[in-house]
Amino acid sequence: MGAALALAQALGIDTLIAAELLPEIEAVMVRKVNEQMEGSRDG
């Protein structure tokens, strides 16, 4: 979380907004990675 907030700050993104959105973004990222991993096992 700390690294993500530091990146947000470096990009000029409000860190309070980033902290609020990060859990939802992380959940989507995990789902997509899992889908890709499942797809690579099928092929």
Protein backbone atom coordinates (compact mmCIF):
# COMPACT_ATOMS: atom_id res chain seq x y z
CA MET A 1 0.00 0.00 0.00
CA GLY A 2 2.84 2.36 0.85
CA ALA A 3 4.47 1.93 -2.53
CA ALA A 4 1.16 2.45 -4.32
CA LEU A 5 0.51 5.65 -2.39
CA ALA A 6 4.03 6.89 -3.11
CA LEU A 7 3.46 6.21 -6.80
CA ALA A 8 0.13 8.05 -6.68
CA GLN A 9 1.81 11.02 -5.02
CA ALA A 10 4.60 11.02 -7.62
CA LEU A 11 1.99 11.03 -10.38
CA GLY A 12 0.15 13.93 -8.76
CA ILE A 13 -2.86 11.87 -7.73
CA ASP A 14 -4.57 12.76 -4.45
CA THR A 15 -3.34 10.10 -2.02
CA LEU A 16 -6.62 10.11 -0.07
CA ILE A 17 -8.52 9.25 -3.24
CA ALA A 18 -5.92 6.64 -4.19
CA ALA A 19 -6.15 5.03 -0.74
CA GLU A 20 -9.92 4.87 -1.09
CA LEU A 21 -9.80 3.28 -4.56
CA LEU A 22 -6.83 0.93 -4.18
CA PRO A 23 -8.68 -2.00 -2.55
CA GLU A 24 -11.22 -2.09 -5.38
CA ILE A 25 -8.54 -1.76 -8.05
CA GLU A 26 -6.52 -4.52 -6.39
CA ALA A 27 -9.53 -6.85 -6.38
CA VAL A 28 -10.05 -6.36 -10.12
CA MET A 29 -6.34 -6.90 -10.79
CA VAL A 30 -6.30 -10.15 -8.80
CA ARG A 31 -9.37 -11.46 -10.67
CA LYS A 32 -7.82 -10.65 -14.05
CA VAL A 33 -4.49 -12.26 -13.17
CA ASN A 34 -6.31 -15.37 -11.96
CA GLU A 35 -8.29 -15.51 -15.21
CA GLN A 36 -5.09 -15.24 -17.23
CA MET A 37 -3.42 -17.95 -15.18
CA GLU A 38 -6.39 -20.27 -15.62
CA GLY A 39 -6.40 -19.57 -19.35
CA SER A 40 -2.72 -20.41 -19.69
CA ARG A 41 -3.25 -23.76 -17.94
CA ASP A 42 -6.07 -24.66 -20.34
CA GLY A 43 -4.01 -23.98 -23.45
